[in-house]
């Protein structure tokens, strides 16, 4: 499991990241503290419930979420 300081070095505060990329890089853990690499749905749930700020770049019915690096870092500091 990565530490917060290791994750900070990997995240660019100005770049936007997809939920899939966040889950693949194991930046967010589940409630048991385990890596959520295979749990892409967990990242989407955090976005939909407003716990992880994201921007919807989707133009139609299907949302296309992107999370800005600084918002991801702020989320990781609080949780």
C-alpha atoms as a PDB file:
ATOM      1  CA  UNK A   1       0.000   0.000   0.000  1.00  0.00           C
ATOM      2  CA  UNK A   2       1.297   3.433  -0.930  1.00  0.00           C
ATOM      3  CA  UNK A   3       1.794   6.178   1.627  1.00  0.00           C
ATOM      4  CA  UNK A   4       0.330   9.642   1.202  1.00  0.00           C
ATOM      5  CA  UNK A   5       3.777  11.121   0.543  1.00  0.00           C
ATOM      6  CA  UNK A   6       4.385   8.617  -2.271  1.00  0.00           C
ATOM      7  CA  UNK A   7       1.005   9.409  -3.795  1.00  0.00           C
ATOM      8  CA  UNK A   8       1.671  13.169  -3.620  1.00  0.00           C
ATOM      9  CA  UNK A   9       4.743  12.700  -5.789  1.00  0.00           C
ATOM     10  CA  UNK A  10       2.704  10.856  -8.437  1.00  0.00           C
ATOM     11  CA  UNK A  11      -0.198  13.332  -8.677  1.00  0.00           C
ATOM     12  CA  UNK A  12       0.086  16.517 -10.715  1.00  0.00           C
ATOM     13  CA  UNK A  13      -2.203  19.107  -9.021  1.00  0.00           C
ATOM     14  CA  UNK A  14      -3.131  20.714 -12.367  1.00  0.00           C
ATOM     15  CA  UNK A  15      -3.887  17.537 -14.319  1.00  0.00           C
ATOM     16  CA  UNK A  16      -7.306  15.868 -14.598  1.00  0.00           C
ATOM     17  CA  UNK A  17      -7.523  12.139 -13.856  1.00  0.00           C
ATOM     18  CA  UNK A  18     -10.199   9.650 -14.866  1.00  0.00           C
ATOM     19  CA  UNK A  19     -11.834   7.423 -12.230  1.00  0.00           C
ATOM     20  CA  UNK A  20     -10.328   4.395 -13.983  1.00  0.00           C
ATOM     21  CA  UNK A  21      -6.831   5.872 -13.747  1.00  0.00           C
ATOM     22  CA  UNK A  22      -7.329   6.675 -10.048  1.00  0.00           C
ATOM     23  CA  UNK A  23      -8.431   3.116  -9.299  1.00  0.00           C
ATOM     24  CA  UNK A  24      -5.651   1.523 -11.376  1.00  0.00           C
ATOM     25  CA  UNK A  25      -2.960   3.526  -9.613  1.00  0.00           C
ATOM     26  CA  UNK A  26      -4.383   2.534  -6.187  1.00  0.00           C
ATOM     27  CA  UNK A  27      -4.581   6.118  -4.936  1.00  0.00           C
ATOM     28  CA  UNK A  28      -7.785   5.488  -2.982  1.00  0.00           C
ATOM     29  CA  UNK A  29      -8.257   2.606  -0.573  1.00  0.00           C
ATOM     30  CA  UNK A  30     -11.504   1.010   0.519  1.00  0.00           C
ATOM     31  CA  UNK A  31     -12.986   1.256   4.018  1.00  0.00           C
ATOM     32  CA  UNK A  32     -10.762  -1.603   5.237  1.00  0.00           C
ATOM     33  CA  UNK A  33      -7.625   0.247   4.109  1.00  0.00           C
ATOM     34  CA  UNK A  34      -7.089  -2.164   1.242  1.00  0.00           C
ATOM     35  CA  UNK A  35      -6.148  -1.019  -2.225  1.00  0.00           C
ATOM     36  CA  UNK A  36      -9.166  -0.434  -4.431  1.00  0.00           C
ATOM     37  CA  UNK A  37      -7.378  -1.251  -7.683  1.00  0.00           C
ATOM     38  CA  UNK A  38     -10.168  -3.421  -9.001  1.00  0.00           C
ATOM     39  CA  UNK A  39     -12.937  -1.301  -7.500  1.00  0.00           C
ATOM     40  CA  UNK A  40     -13.531   1.354 -10.131  1.00  0.00           C
ATOM     41  CA  UNK A  41     -17.139   1.621  -8.928  1.00  0.00           C
ATOM     42  CA  UNK A  42     -15.966   2.835  -5.521  1.00  0.00           C
ATOM     43  CA  UNK A  43     -14.315   5.883  -7.110  1.00  0.00           C
ATOM     44  CA  UNK A  44     -17.487   6.613  -9.092  1.00  0.00           C
ATOM     45  CA  UNK A  45     -19.575   6.348  -5.915  1.00  0.00           C
ATOM     46  CA  UNK A  46     -17.360   8.895  -4.180  1.00  0.00           C
ATOM     47  CA  UNK A  47     -17.853  11.274  -7.108  1.00  0.00           C
ATOM     48  CA  UNK A  48     -21.618  10.769  -7.319  1.00  0.00           C
ATOM     49  CA  UNK A  49     -22.107  11.290  -3.579  1.00  0.00           C
ATOM     50  CA  UNK A  50     -20.073  14.509  -3.717  1.00  0.00           C
ATOM     51  CA  UNK A  51     -17.219  13.317  -1.504  1.00  0.00           C
ATOM     52  CA  UNK A  52     -14.676  13.538  -4.318  1.00  0.00           C
ATOM     53  CA  UNK A  53     -15.084  16.687  -6.433  1.00  0.00           C
ATOM     54  CA  UNK A  54     -15.102  15.994 -10.162  1.00  0.00           C
ATOM     55  CA  UNK A  55     -15.977  17.726 -13.382  1.00  0.00           C
ATOM     56  CA  UNK A  56     -18.311  16.131 -15.903  1.00  0.00           C
ATOM     57  CA  UNK A  57     -16.910  16.500 -19.424  1.00  0.00           C
ATOM     58  CA  UNK A  58     -19.718  14.400 -20.935  1.00  0.00           C
ATOM     59  CA  UNK A  59     -21.764  16.126 -23.600  1.00  0.00           C
ATOM     60  CA  UNK A  60     -24.735  13.772 -23.622  1.00  0.00           C
ATOM     61  CA  UNK A  61     -26.492  11.363 -21.341  1.00  0.00           C
ATOM     62  CA  UNK A  62     -23.343   9.491 -20.340  1.00  0.00           C
ATOM     63  CA  UNK A  63     -21.198  11.289 -17.751  1.00  0.00           C
ATOM     64  CA  UNK A  64     -17.457  11.537 -18.384  1.00  0.00           C
ATOM     65  CA  UNK A  65     -15.943  12.414 -15.012  1.00  0.00           C
ATOM     66  CA  UNK A  66     -12.477  13.810 -14.448  1.00  0.00           C
ATOM     67  CA  UNK A  67     -10.948  14.652 -11.075  1.00  0.00           C
ATOM     68  CA  UNK A  68      -8.453  17.484 -10.818  1.00  0.00           C
ATOM     69  CA  UNK A  69      -5.227  16.517  -9.069  1.00  0.00           C
ATOM     70  CA  UNK A  70      -5.522  19.178  -6.364  1.00  0.00           C
ATOM     71  CA  UNK A  71      -9.039  17.975  -5.474  1.00  0.00           C
ATOM     72  CA  UNK A  72      -7.774  14.412  -5.272  1.00  0.00           C
ATOM     73  CA  UNK A  73      -4.931  15.472  -2.974  1.00  0.00           C
ATOM     74  CA  UNK A  74      -7.366  17.390  -0.748  1.00  0.00           C
ATOM     75  CA  UNK A  75      -9.633  14.339  -0.539  1.00  0.00           C
ATOM     76  CA  UNK A  76      -6.706  12.109   0.418  1.00  0.00           C
ATOM     77  CA  UNK A  77      -5.637  14.522   3.180  1.00  0.00           C
ATOM     78  CA  UNK A  78      -9.090  14.484   4.787  1.00  0.00           C
ATOM     79  CA  UNK A  79      -9.802  10.765   4.458  1.00  0.00           C
END
